[in-house]
Amino acid sequence: MPLKPHRVLPAIAAVLALSSTLFAVPANAADAQSVMDKLNEFGPEAKALVQRAGTWDVTITHWDKPGATPTVQTGLVAERRMIGPMLEEVLRTVPGAPGAAFTRADFLTFNKQEGRWQYMSMDGRVPDGMMVAYSIDPDPEQRIFMSFLPFASPNIIGDIAIGQFWRMEQVITRQDADHEVKDQYFTLAGSAPVKWRGISYSYTRRK
C-alpha cells in the first residue's frame, strides 16, 4: 500500500536529516585538512607502539592440542619499526638456529576512527593466507585482546588437504619496557569445541 503524502514528507525529512549528520562535509578544504591532520596525529596508543620498535629476541612455545607437552623453539629475532601509526614486525630465524628457517610478518595499529586495535599477520610456515584480527574494545596497550576472522587451515589426510575451520584469539601483554608476551588461543570447529593456548611468543628486547 503506498504511503499517504502526510506520512511520506516527514519520513523524507528524517532521512535527509540523518544523511546530513552522517555525511557532513567540512565547509572548506582547510577545515577538511585540519580534520585529517587530527586523525593522523599520534594518540597515546601510537606513541606507545613507538616504544616497541627495535630488535627483540623471541622464544616460541607451542602446544599442538589441549594438554599436549609443549615444544620450545629458540634462535628467533624480531625486527620492529613504525610505518606511520602502524608497528611492523618481521620475525625470522637467525642463521644456524635449529629447526626450519621461516619468516613471519605482522602489523599492529590503533584505528582512531573505529576506536579499536587492528592486526594482520602473514606466516611463511602455513598456507593460511593473510590473517586479520580486531579488538572488541579500545584496550590499553599493556594488554590487547583481539579476535581473528575465522579461517581454514589444511588438515592432511593421505595426499589430500581438507580445509579445517578454526577460530582464534590473541592477547598481547606488555610486561615491562623490555618484555612482552603474545599468546594465541585456538578453537577447532565441531560439536564440542575446546579452546586452548596453542602458541606463545615471548619477547625480550635486545640491548
Protein backbone atom coordinates (compact mmCIF):
# COMPACT_ATOMS: atom_id res chain seq x y z
CA MET A 1 0.00 0.00 0.00
CA PRO A 2 1.51 3.39 -0.99
CA LEU A 3 2.27 5.83 1.80
CA LYS A 4 0.00 8.82 2.15
CA PRO A 5 1.57 12.26 1.46
CA HIS A 6 1.26 13.37 5.09
CA ARG A 7 3.40 10.32 6.08
CA VAL A 8 5.89 10.49 3.21
CA LEU A 9 7.09 14.05 3.78
CA PRO A 10 8.09 13.57 7.46
CA ALA A 11 9.88 10.33 6.54
CA ILE A 12 11.88 12.07 3.77
CA ALA A 13 12.79 14.89 6.15
CA ALA A 14 14.06 12.41 8.74
CA VAL A 15 16.23 10.61 6.16
CA LEU A 16 17.70 13.88 4.92
CA ALA A 17 18.49 14.99 8.47
CA LEU A 18 20.24 11.69 9.21
CA SER A 19 22.20 11.89 5.95
CA SER A 20 23.40 15.39 6.72
CA THR A 21 24.71 14.14 10.07
CA LEU A 22 26.43 11.00 8.76
CA PHE A 23 27.93 12.58 5.65
CA ALA A 24 28.63 16.09 6.82
CA VAL A 25 31.40 17.75 4.80
CA PRO A 26 33.65 20.48 6.24
CA ALA A 27 32.93 23.94 4.92
CA ASN A 28 36.21 24.23 3.05
CA ALA A 29 39.36 22.36 2.11
CA ALA A 30 41.32 23.87 5.01
CA ASP A 31 38.80 22.53 7.53
CA ALA A 32 38.88 19.11 5.88
CA GLN A 33 42.67 19.03 6.06
CA SER A 34 42.55 20.07 9.70
CA VAL A 35 40.27 17.13 10.49
CA MET A 36 42.56 14.74 8.60
CA ASP A 37 45.62 16.09 10.41
CA LYS A 38 43.95 15.46 13.77
CA LEU A 39 43.09 11.90 12.78
CA ASN A 40 46.67 11.31 11.65
CA GLU A 41 48.19 12.69 14.85
CA PHE A 42 49.70 10.01 17.08
CA GLY A 43 47.47 9.30 20.05
CA PRO A 44 48.65 7.57 23.24
CA GLU A 45 48.32 4.16 21.58
CA ALA A 46 50.56 5.01 18.60
CA LYS A 47 53.07 6.70 20.91
CA ALA A 48 53.18 3.50 22.97
CA LEU A 49 53.83 1.45 19.82
CA VAL A 50 56.82 3.68 19.03
CA GLN A 51 58.39 2.44 22.27
CA ARG A 52 58.13 -1.15 21.00
CA ALA A 53 60.28 -0.53 17.92
CA GLY A 54 63.72 -2.14 17.86
CA THR A 55 65.23 -5.63 17.92
CA TRP A 56 63.81 -8.39 20.10
CA ASP A 57 64.92 -11.97 20.84
CA VAL A 58 61.97 -14.36 20.66
CA THR A 59 61.14 -17.80 22.05
CA ILE A 60 58.11 -19.72 20.78
CA THR A 61 56.29 -22.30 22.90
CA HIS A 62 53.81 -24.49 21.01
CA TRP A 63 51.03 -26.86 22.14
CA ASP A 64 49.56 -28.76 19.18
CA LYS A 65 46.44 -29.83 21.12
CA PRO A 66 44.87 -29.38 24.56
CA GLY A 67 47.06 -30.92 27.25
CA ALA A 68 49.96 -31.61 24.87
CA THR A 69 53.58 -31.45 26.01
CA PRO A 70 54.90 -28.12 24.75
CA THR A 71 57.73 -27.75 22.26
CA VAL A 72 60.05 -24.77 22.52
CA GLN A 73 61.86 -23.02 19.69
CA THR A 74 64.67 -20.51 20.25
CA GLY A 75 67.06 -18.74 17.91
CA LEU A 76 64.48 -16.22 16.64
CA VAL A 77 64.75 -12.46 16.21
CA ALA A 78 62.03 -9.86 15.61
CA GLU A 79 62.78 -6.53 13.92
CA ARG A 80 60.17 -3.88 14.68
CA ARG A 81 59.71 -0.47 13.07
CA MET A 82 56.97 2.12 12.71
CA ILE A 83 55.27 2.69 9.35
CA GLY A 84 53.15 5.74 10.07
CA PRO A 85 50.97 4.74 13.04
CA MET A 86 51.49 1.01 12.40
CA LEU A 87 54.04 -1.19 14.14
CA GLU A 88 55.56 -3.64 11.66
CA GLU A 89 57.22 -6.79 12.98
CA VAL A 90 59.29 -9.20 10.90
CA LEU A 91 60.12 -12.39 12.78
CA ARG A 92 62.74 -14.77 11.37
CA THR A 93 65.16 -17.47 12.40
CA VAL A 94 68.78 -16.46 12.95
CA PRO A 95 71.47 -18.23 10.89
CA GLY A 96 72.41 -21.60 12.35
CA ALA A 97 69.34 -21.85 14.58
CA PRO A 98 67.80 -25.32 14.99
CA GLY A 99 64.64 -26.12 13.07
CA ALA A 100 63.35 -25.00 9.69
CA ALA A 101 64.00 -21.40 8.69
CA PHE A 102 60.94 -19.18 8.26
CA THR A 103 59.79 -15.58 8.11
CA ARG A 104 56.63 -14.17 9.66
CA ALA A 105 55.36 -10.57 9.42
CA ASP A 106 52.60 -8.76 11.29
CA PHE A 107 51.20 -5.26 11.69
CA LEU A 108 49.55 -3.70 14.74
CA THR A 109 47.82 -0.31 14.89
CA PHE A 110 45.08 1.58 16.72
CA ASN A 111 42.37 2.91 14.41
CA LYS A 112 41.24 6.22 15.92
CA GLN A 113 38.14 6.40 13.74
CA GLU A 114 36.92 2.95 14.79
CA GLY A 115 38.24 3.20 18.34
CA ARG A 116 39.84 -0.25 18.31
CA TRP A 117 43.05 -2.12 17.58
CA GLN A 118 43.66 -3.72 14.20
CA TYR A 119 46.11 -6.52 13.43
CA MET A 120 47.20 -8.54 10.41
CA SER A 121 49.76 -11.35 10.12
CA MET A 122 51.36 -13.33 7.31
CA ASP A 123 53.24 -16.52 8.21
CA GLY A 124 55.54 -18.35 5.80
CA ARG A 125 55.13 -21.58 7.80
CA VAL A 126 51.47 -22.13 6.91
CA PRO A 127 49.31 -21.69 3.77
CA ASP A 128 46.59 -19.82 5.67
CA GLY A 129 46.90 -16.52 3.80
CA MET A 130 46.58 -13.13 5.49
CA MET A 131 45.06 -13.39 8.96
CA VAL A 132 43.13 -10.36 10.24
CA ALA A 133 42.08 -9.55 13.81
CA TYR A 134 40.39 -6.72 15.71
CA SER A 135 39.94 -5.79 19.33
CA ILE A 136 36.42 -5.56 20.70
CA ASP A 137 37.17 -2.55 22.89
CA PRO A 138 39.82 0.20 22.88
CA ASP A 139 42.06 -1.85 25.17
CA PRO A 140 45.07 -0.22 26.85
CA GLU A 141 48.30 -1.06 25.06
CA GLN A 142 49.56 -3.00 28.09
CA ARG A 143 47.06 -5.78 27.31
CA ILE A 144 45.38 -6.01 23.92
CA PHE A 145 42.76 -8.72 23.33
CA MET A 146 41.89 -9.43 19.69
CA SER A 147 39.65 -11.87 17.85
CA PHE A 148 40.59 -13.14 14.40
CA LEU A 149 38.26 -13.59 11.48
CA PRO A 150 37.57 -17.35 11.27
CA PHE A 151 39.90 -19.15 8.91
CA ALA A 152 40.54 -22.56 7.36
CA SER A 153 43.82 -24.42 7.82
CA PRO A 154 44.73 -27.59 5.91
CA ASN A 155 44.03 -30.94 7.54
CA ILE A 156 46.15 -33.50 5.69
CA ILE A 157 44.53 -36.90 5.07
CA GLY A 158 46.79 -39.07 2.93
CA ASP A 159 47.66 -36.97 -0.10
CA ILE A 160 44.57 -34.75 0.21
CA ALA A 161 44.39 -31.42 2.04
CA ILE A 162 40.96 -30.68 3.52
CA GLY A 163 40.21 -27.24 4.95
CA GLN A 164 39.66 -27.36 8.72
CA PHE A 165 37.75 -24.43 10.21
CA TRP A 166 39.27 -22.58 13.19
CA ARG A 167 38.57 -19.66 15.50
CA MET A 168 41.49 -17.83 17.04
CA GLU A 169 42.08 -15.19 19.72
CA GLN A 170 45.25 -13.34 20.66
CA VAL A 171 46.35 -11.49 23.79
CA ILE A 172 49.39 -9.19 23.63
CA THR A 173 50.70 -8.37 27.10
CA ARG A 174 53.46 -5.81 27.71
CA GLN A 175 55.08 -6.93 30.95
CA ASP A 176 57.55 -4.03 31.02
CA ALA A 177 59.60 -1.95 28.57
CA ASP A 178 61.83 -4.93 27.66
CA HIS A 179 59.50 -7.93 27.92
CA GLU A 180 56.32 -8.85 26.07
CA VAL A 181 54.19 -11.97 25.51
CA LYS A 182 51.88 -12.76 22.61
CA ASP A 183 49.53 -15.67 23.45
CA GLN A 184 47.35 -17.25 20.76
CA TYR A 185 44.29 -19.36 21.62
CA PHE A 186 42.69 -21.76 19.14
CA THR A 187 39.24 -23.32 18.91
CA LEU A 188 38.65 -26.15 16.46
CA ALA A 189 35.20 -26.10 14.89
CA GLY A 190 32.97 -29.02 15.84
CA SER A 191 30.09 -30.16 18.00
CA ALA A 192 32.17 -29.91 21.21
CA PRO A 193 34.61 -27.00 20.71
CA VAL A 194 37.56 -26.71 23.08
CA LYS A 195 39.75 -23.60 23.34
CA TRP A 196 43.40 -23.91 24.30
CA ARG A 197 46.55 -21.83 24.25
CA GLY A 198 48.31 -23.14 21.17
CA ILE A 199 51.23 -20.73 20.72
CA SER A 200 53.04 -18.31 23.00
CA TYR A 201 55.66 -15.84 21.71
CA SER A 202 57.96 -14.47 24.41
CA TYR A 203 59.88 -11.28 23.53
CA THR A 204 62.96 -9.81 25.23
CA ARG A 205 64.39 -6.57 23.92
CA ARG A 206 67.96 -6.91 22.65
CA LYS A 207 70.30 -4.45 24.36
